[in-house]
């Protein structure tokens, strides 16, 4: 595996959540900058030494509501 993909969403309270696709890795933080650090840390904790993928891809999802 050369990368791990995270889906990043903003919570109702303004915090950010990230979940890896295909792996049980989840984290959340108060800001996007903090989330980036947390994602790196959780990936290192999830994989054995030397087995973590060299790339982390983030897919940011933004939901909008439109009233008619």
PDB file of N, CA and C in Angstrom:
ATOM      1  N   UNK A   1       0.857  -1.172   0.000  1.00  0.00           N
ATOM      2  CA  UNK A   1       0.000   0.000   0.000  1.00  0.00           C
ATOM      3  C   UNK A   1       0.905   1.238   0.000  1.00  0.00           C
ATOM      4  N   UNK A   2       0.692   2.123  -0.983  1.00  0.00           N
ATOM      5  CA  UNK A   2       1.534   3.316  -1.050  1.00  0.00           C
ATOM      6  C   UNK A   2       0.847   4.568  -0.524  1.00  0.00           C
ATOM      7  N   UNK A   3      -0.430   4.455  -0.158  1.00  0.00           N
ATOM      8  CA  UNK A   3      -1.119   5.602   0.435  1.00  0.00           C
ATOM      9  C   UNK A   3      -2.347   5.132   1.210  1.00  0.00           C
ATOM     10  N   UNK A   4      -2.801   5.988   2.112  1.00  0.00           N
ATOM     11  CA  UNK A   4      -4.042   5.726   2.833  1.00  0.00           C
ATOM     12  C   UNK A   4      -4.948   6.935   2.576  1.00  0.00           C
ATOM     13  N   UNK A   5      -6.215   6.673   2.324  1.00  0.00           N
ATOM     14  CA  UNK A   5      -7.185   7.708   1.990  1.00  0.00           C
ATOM     15  C   UNK A   5      -8.077   7.984   3.191  1.00  0.00           C
ATOM     16  N   UNK A   6      -8.212   9.260   3.540  1.00  0.00           N
ATOM     17  CA  UNK A   6      -9.106   9.689   4.603  1.00  0.00           C
ATOM     18  C   UNK A   6     -10.214  10.559   4.034  1.00  0.00           C
ATOM     19  N   UNK A   7     -11.431  10.338   4.514  1.00  0.00           N
ATOM     20  CA  UNK A   7     -12.552  11.222   4.223  1.00  0.00           C
ATOM     21  C   UNK A   7     -12.644  12.197   5.383  1.00  0.00           C
ATOM     22  N   UNK A   8     -12.585  13.485   5.079  1.00  0.00           N
ATOM     23  CA  UNK A   8     -12.584  14.541   6.091  1.00  0.00           C
ATOM     24  C   UNK A   8     -13.897  15.304   5.999  1.00  0.00           C
ATOM     25  N   UNK A   9     -14.566  15.447   7.146  1.00  0.00           N
ATOM     26  CA  UNK A   9     -15.837  16.171   7.203  1.00  0.00           C
ATOM     27  C   UNK A   9     -15.811  17.166   8.354  1.00  0.00           C
ATOM     28  N   UNK A  10     -16.509  18.274   8.167  1.00  0.00           N
ATOM     29  CA  UNK A  10     -16.664  19.237   9.246  1.00  0.00           C
ATOM     30  C   UNK A  10     -17.910  18.878  10.042  1.00  0.00           C
ATOM     31  N   UNK A  11     -17.778  18.842  11.362  1.00  0.00           N
ATOM     32  CA  UNK A  11     -18.904  18.531  12.245  1.00  0.00           C
ATOM     33  C   UNK A  11     -19.745  19.789  12.458  1.00  0.00           C
ATOM     34  N   UNK A  12     -20.941  19.601  13.006  1.00  0.00           N
ATOM     35  CA  UNK A  12     -21.853  20.720  13.245  1.00  0.00           C
ATOM     36  C   UNK A  12     -21.256  21.767  14.185  1.00  0.00           C
ATOM     37  N   UNK A  13     -20.390  21.333  15.094  1.00  0.00           N
ATOM     38  CA  UNK A  13     -19.792  22.262  16.054  1.00  0.00           C
ATOM     39  C   UNK A  13     -18.542  22.957  15.515  1.00  0.00           C
ATOM     40  N   UNK A  14     -18.187  22.702  14.258  1.00  0.00           N
ATOM     41  CA  UNK A  14     -17.034  23.344  13.643  1.00  0.00           C
ATOM     42  C   UNK A  14     -15.755  22.532  13.708  1.00  0.00           C
ATOM     43  N   UNK A  15     -15.758  21.442  14.452  1.00  0.00           N
ATOM     44  CA  UNK A  15     -14.573  20.590  14.505  1.00  0.00           C
ATOM     45  C   UNK A  15     -14.490  19.762  13.225  1.00  0.00           C
ATOM     46  N   UNK A  16     -13.383  19.060  13.049  1.00  0.00           N
ATOM     47  CA  UNK A  16     -13.161  18.252  11.855  1.00  0.00           C
ATOM     48  C   UNK A  16     -13.002  16.793  12.252  1.00  0.00           C
ATOM     49  N   UNK A  17     -13.537  15.896  11.417  1.00  0.00           N
ATOM     50  CA  UNK A  17     -13.430  14.455  11.634  1.00  0.00           C
ATOM     51  C   UNK A  17     -12.827  13.810  10.399  1.00  0.00           C
ATOM     52  N   UNK A  18     -12.036  12.766  10.634  1.00  0.00           N
ATOM     53  CA  UNK A  18     -11.436  12.039   9.515  1.00  0.00           C
ATOM     54  C   UNK A  18     -11.544  10.546   9.767  1.00  0.00           C
ATOM     55  N   UNK A  19     -11.888   9.809   8.716  1.00  0.00           N
ATOM     56  CA  UNK A  19     -11.967   8.348   8.771  1.00  0.00           C
ATOM     57  C   UNK A  19     -11.258   7.781   7.557  1.00  0.00           C
ATOM     58  N   UNK A  20     -10.418   6.789   7.800  1.00  0.00           N
ATOM     59  CA  UNK A  20      -9.702   6.144   6.703  1.00  0.00           C
ATOM     60  C   UNK A  20     -10.641   5.208   5.956  1.00  0.00           C
ATOM     61  N   UNK A  21     -10.465   5.129   4.664  1.00  0.00           N
ATOM     62  CA  UNK A  21     -11.235   4.215   3.824  1.00  0.00           C
ATOM     63  C   UNK A  21     -10.481   2.882   3.796  1.00  0.00           C
ATOM     64  N   UNK A  22     -11.150   1.827   4.228  1.00  0.00           N
ATOM     65  CA  UNK A  22     -10.548   0.507   4.204  1.00  0.00           C
ATOM     66  C   UNK A  22      -9.673   0.173   5.399  1.00  0.00           C
ATOM     67  N   UNK A  23      -9.647   1.046   6.384  1.00  0.00           N
ATOM     68  CA  UNK A  23      -8.877   0.779   7.609  1.00  0.00           C
ATOM     69  C   UNK A  23      -9.619   1.401   8.784  1.00  0.00           C
ATOM     70  N   UNK A  24      -9.475   0.808   9.946  1.00  0.00           N
ATOM     71  CA  UNK A  24     -10.170   1.300  11.143  1.00  0.00           C
ATOM     72  C   UNK A  24      -9.342   2.400  11.808  1.00  0.00           C
ATOM     73  N   UNK A  25      -9.218   3.526  11.116  1.00  0.00           N
ATOM     74  CA  UNK A  25      -8.464   4.668  11.638  1.00  0.00           C
ATOM     75  C   UNK A  25      -9.412   5.863  11.623  1.00  0.00           C
ATOM     76  N   UNK A  26      -9.637   6.453  12.796  1.00  0.00           N
ATOM     77  CA  UNK A  26     -10.536   7.599  12.920  1.00  0.00           C
ATOM     78  C   UNK A  26      -9.918   8.599  13.888  1.00  0.00           C
ATOM     79  N   UNK A  27     -10.135   9.878  13.617  1.00  0.00           N
ATOM     80  CA  UNK A  27      -9.657  10.914  14.525  1.00  0.00           C
ATOM     81  C   UNK A  27     -10.478  12.176  14.316  1.00  0.00           C
ATOM     82  N   UNK A  28     -10.402  13.084  15.275  1.00  0.00           N
ATOM     83  CA  UNK A  28     -11.067  14.372  15.134  1.00  0.00           C
ATOM     84  C   UNK A  28     -10.262  15.422  15.872  1.00  0.00           C
ATOM     85  N   UNK A  29     -10.460  16.692  15.474  1.00  0.00           N
ATOM     86  CA  UNK A  29      -9.722  17.801  16.067  1.00  0.00           C
ATOM     87  C   UNK A  29     -10.543  19.075  15.931  1.00  0.00           C
ATOM     88  N   UNK A  30     -10.121  20.112  16.639  1.00  0.00           N
ATOM     89  CA  UNK A  30     -10.835  21.388  16.620  1.00  0.00           C
ATOM     90  C   UNK A  30     -10.595  22.186  15.348  1.00  0.00           C
ATOM     91  N   UNK A  31      -9.466  21.952  14.668  1.00  0.00           N
ATOM     92  CA  UNK A  31      -9.162  22.690  13.444  1.00  0.00           C
ATOM     93  C   UNK A  31      -8.553  21.749  12.410  1.00  0.00           C
ATOM     94  N   UNK A  32      -8.509  22.201  11.179  1.00  0.00           N
ATOM     95  CA  UNK A  32      -7.947  21.387  10.103  1.00  0.00           C
ATOM     96  C   UNK A  32      -6.448  21.182  10.304  1.00  0.00           C
ATOM     97  N   UNK A  33      -5.758  22.199  10.801  1.00  0.00           N
ATOM     98  CA  UNK A  33      -4.323  22.077  11.048  1.00  0.00           C
ATOM     99  C   UNK A  33      -4.047  21.013  12.117  1.00  0.00           C
ATOM    100  N   UNK A  34      -4.829  21.017  13.195  1.00  0.00           N
ATOM    101  CA  UNK A  34      -4.682  20.006  14.235  1.00  0.00           C
ATOM    102  C   UNK A  34      -5.030  18.618  13.697  1.00  0.00           C
ATOM    103  N   UNK A  35      -6.034  18.564  12.838  1.00  0.00           N
ATOM    104  CA  UNK A  35      -6.443  17.283  12.261  1.00  0.00           C
ATOM    105  C   UNK A  35      -5.310  16.680  11.436  1.00  0.00           C
ATOM    106  N   UNK A  36      -4.592  17.501  10.681  1.00  0.00           N
ATOM    107  CA  UNK A  36      -3.464  17.009   9.889  1.00  0.00           C
ATOM    108  C   UNK A  36      -2.437  16.329  10.787  1.00  0.00           C
ATOM    109  N   UNK A  37      -2.117  16.956  11.908  1.00  0.00           N
ATOM    110  CA  UNK A  37      -1.155  16.374  12.855  1.00  0.00           C
ATOM    111  C   UNK A  37      -1.703  15.079  13.450  1.00  0.00           C
ATOM    112  N   UNK A  38      -2.982  15.095  13.829  1.00  0.00           N
ATOM    113  CA  UNK A  38      -3.605  13.906  14.426  1.00  0.00           C
ATOM    114  C   UNK A  38      -3.650  12.737  13.447  1.00  0.00           C
ATOM    115  N   UNK A  39      -3.921  13.025  12.178  1.00  0.00           N
ATOM    116  CA  UNK A  39      -3.960  11.969  11.164  1.00  0.00           C
ATOM    117  C   UNK A  39      -2.585  11.313  11.041  1.00  0.00           C
ATOM    118  N   UNK A  40      -1.542  12.128  10.966  1.00  0.00           N
ATOM    119  CA  UNK A  40      -0.191  11.564  10.882  1.00  0.00           C
ATOM    120  C   UNK A  40       0.099  10.660  12.085  1.00  0.00           C
ATOM    121  N   UNK A  41      -0.265  11.131  13.271  1.00  0.00           N
ATOM    122  CA  UNK A  41      -0.022  10.354  14.484  1.00  0.00           C
ATOM    123  C   UNK A  41      -0.798   9.048  14.514  1.00  0.00           C
ATOM    124  N   UNK A  42      -2.073   9.091  14.114  1.00  0.00           N
ATOM    125  CA  UNK A  42      -2.874   7.869  14.144  1.00  0.00           C
ATOM    126  C   UNK A  42      -2.415   6.862  13.094  1.00  0.00           C
ATOM    127  N   UNK A  43      -1.943   7.346  11.952  1.00  0.00           N
ATOM    128  CA  UNK A  43      -1.424   6.426  10.924  1.00  0.00           C
ATOM    129  C   UNK A  43      -0.173   5.734  11.444  1.00  0.00           C
ATOM    130  N   UNK A  44       0.722   6.482  12.085  1.00  0.00           N
ATOM    131  CA  UNK A  44       1.939   5.869  12.643  1.00  0.00           C
ATOM    132  C   UNK A  44       1.592   4.849  13.719  1.00  0.00           C
ATOM    133  N   UNK A  45       0.570   5.131  14.535  1.00  0.00           N
ATOM    134  CA  UNK A  45       0.164   4.185  15.589  1.00  0.00           C
ATOM    135  C   UNK A  45      -0.512   2.944  15.020  1.00  0.00           C
ATOM    136  N   UNK A  46      -1.225   3.097  13.910  1.00  0.00           N
ATOM    137  CA  UNK A  46      -1.997   1.989  13.343  1.00  0.00           C
ATOM    138  C   UNK A  46      -1.103   0.940  12.681  1.00  0.00           C
ATOM    139  N   UNK A  47      -0.060   1.386  12.011  1.00  0.00           N
ATOM    140  CA  UNK A  47       0.808   0.477  11.259  1.00  0.00           C
ATOM    141  C   UNK A  47       2.053   0.121  12.061  1.00  0.00           C
ATOM    142  N   UNK A  48       2.583  -1.069  11.801  1.00  0.00           N
ATOM    143  CA  UNK A  48       3.851  -1.489  12.407  1.00  0.00           C
ATOM    144  C   UNK A  48       4.970  -0.597  11.869  1.00  0.00           C
ATOM    145  N   UNK A  49       6.097  -0.562  12.584  1.00  0.00           N
ATOM    146  CA  UNK A  49       7.247   0.233  12.142  1.00  0.00           C
ATOM    147  C   UNK A  49       7.661  -0.155  10.728  1.00  0.00           C
ATOM    148  N   UNK A  50       7.796   0.850   9.872  1.00  0.00           N
ATOM    149  CA  UNK A  50       8.219   0.630   8.498  1.00  0.00           C
ATOM    150  C   UNK A  50       7.120   0.198   7.551  1.00  0.00           C
ATOM    151  N   UNK A  51       5.897  -0.011   8.039  1.00  0.00           N
ATOM    152  CA  UNK A  51       4.813  -0.468   7.170  1.00  0.00           C
ATOM    153  C   UNK A  51       3.804   0.622   6.825  1.00  0.00           C
ATOM    154  N   UNK A  52       3.924   1.793   7.429  1.00  0.00           N
ATOM    155  CA  UNK A  52       2.996   2.891   7.135  1.00  0.00           C
ATOM    156  C   UNK A  52       3.213   3.368   5.701  1.00  0.00           C
ATOM    157  N   UNK A  53       2.141   3.676   4.993  1.00  0.00           N
ATOM    158  CA  UNK A  53       2.290   4.163   3.620  1.00  0.00           C
ATOM    159  C   UNK A  53       2.981   5.531   3.625  1.00  0.00           C
ATOM    160  N   UNK A  54       3.725   5.838   2.575  1.00  0.00           N
ATOM    161  CA  UNK A  54       4.445   7.118   2.538  1.00  0.00           C
ATOM    162  C   UNK A  54       3.533   8.320   2.270  1.00  0.00           C
ATOM    163  N   UNK A  55       2.327   8.071   1.773  1.00  0.00           N
ATOM    164  CA  UNK A  55       1.417   9.164   1.436  1.00  0.00           C
ATOM    165  C   UNK A  55       0.083   9.021   2.157  1.00  0.00           C
ATOM    166  N   UNK A  56      -0.467  10.167   2.545  1.00  0.00           N
ATOM    167  CA  UNK A  56      -1.810  10.223   3.118  1.00  0.00           C
ATOM    168  C   UNK A  56      -2.617  11.159   2.231  1.00  0.00           C
ATOM    169  N   UNK A  57      -3.692  10.655   1.668  1.00  0.00           N
ATOM    170  CA  UNK A  57      -4.561  11.463   0.801  1.00  0.00           C
ATOM    171  C   UNK A  57      -5.808  11.843   1.593  1.00  0.00           C
ATOM    172  N   UNK A  58      -6.200  13.118   1.506  1.00  0.00           N
ATOM    173  CA  UNK A  58      -7.394  13.610   2.187  1.00  0.00           C
ATOM    174  C   UNK A  58      -8.449  13.980   1.161  1.00  0.00           C
ATOM    175  N   UNK A  59      -9.643  13.461   1.363  1.00  0.00           N
ATOM    176  CA  UNK A  59     -10.793  13.805   0.526  1.00  0.00           C
ATOM    177  C   UNK A  59     -11.747  14.588   1.410  1.00  0.00           C
ATOM    178  N   UNK A  60     -11.832  15.892   1.184  1.00  0.00           N
ATOM    179  CA  UNK A  60     -12.674  16.739   2.025  1.00  0.00           C
ATOM    180  C   UNK A  60     -14.072  16.812   1.467  1.00  0.00           C
ATOM    181  N   UNK A  61     -15.048  16.504   2.340  1.00  0.00           N
ATOM    182  CA  UNK A  61     -16.459  16.494   1.986  1.00  0.00           C
ATOM    183  C   UNK A  61     -17.120  17.686   2.650  1.00  0.00           C
ATOM    184  N   UNK A  62     -17.862  18.432   1.891  1.00  0.00           N
ATOM    185  CA  UNK A  62     -18.580  19.589   2.439  1.00  0.00           C
ATOM    186  C   UNK A  62     -20.041  19.467   2.067  1.00  0.00           C
ATOM    187  N   UNK A  63     -20.874  19.515   3.078  1.00  0.00           N
ATOM    188  CA  UNK A  63     -22.307  19.419   2.834  1.00  0.00           C
ATOM    189  C   UNK A  63     -22.923  20.809   2.875  1.00  0.00           C
ATOM    190  N   UNK A  64     -23.868  21.041   1.987  1.00  0.00           N
ATOM    191  CA  UNK A  64     -24.608  22.301   1.967  1.00  0.00           C
ATOM    192  C   UNK A  64     -26.084  22.008   1.857  1.00  0.00           C
ATOM    193  N   UNK A  65     -26.879  22.827   2.482  1.00  0.00           N
ATOM    194  CA  UNK A  65     -28.334  22.729   2.368  1.00  0.00           C
ATOM    195  C   UNK A  65     -28.843  23.968   1.651  1.00  0.00           C
ATOM    196  N   UNK A  66     -29.721  23.754   0.708  1.00  0.00           N
ATOM    197  CA  UNK A  66     -30.345  24.853  -0.024  1.00  0.00           C
ATOM    198  C   UNK A  66     -31.845  24.817   0.263  1.00  0.00           C
ATOM    199  N   UNK A  67     -32.375  25.927   0.685  1.00  0.00           N
ATOM    200  CA  UNK A  67     -33.819  25.999   0.906  1.00  0.00           C
ATOM    201  C   UNK A  67     -34.506  26.371  -0.394  1.00  0.00           C
ATOM    202  N   UNK A  68     -35.677  25.815  -0.613  1.00  0.00           N
ATOM    203  CA  UNK A  68     -36.466  26.143  -1.813  1.00  0.00           C
ATOM    204  C   UNK A  68     -37.476  27.213  -1.509  1.00  0.00           C
TER     205      UNK A  68
END
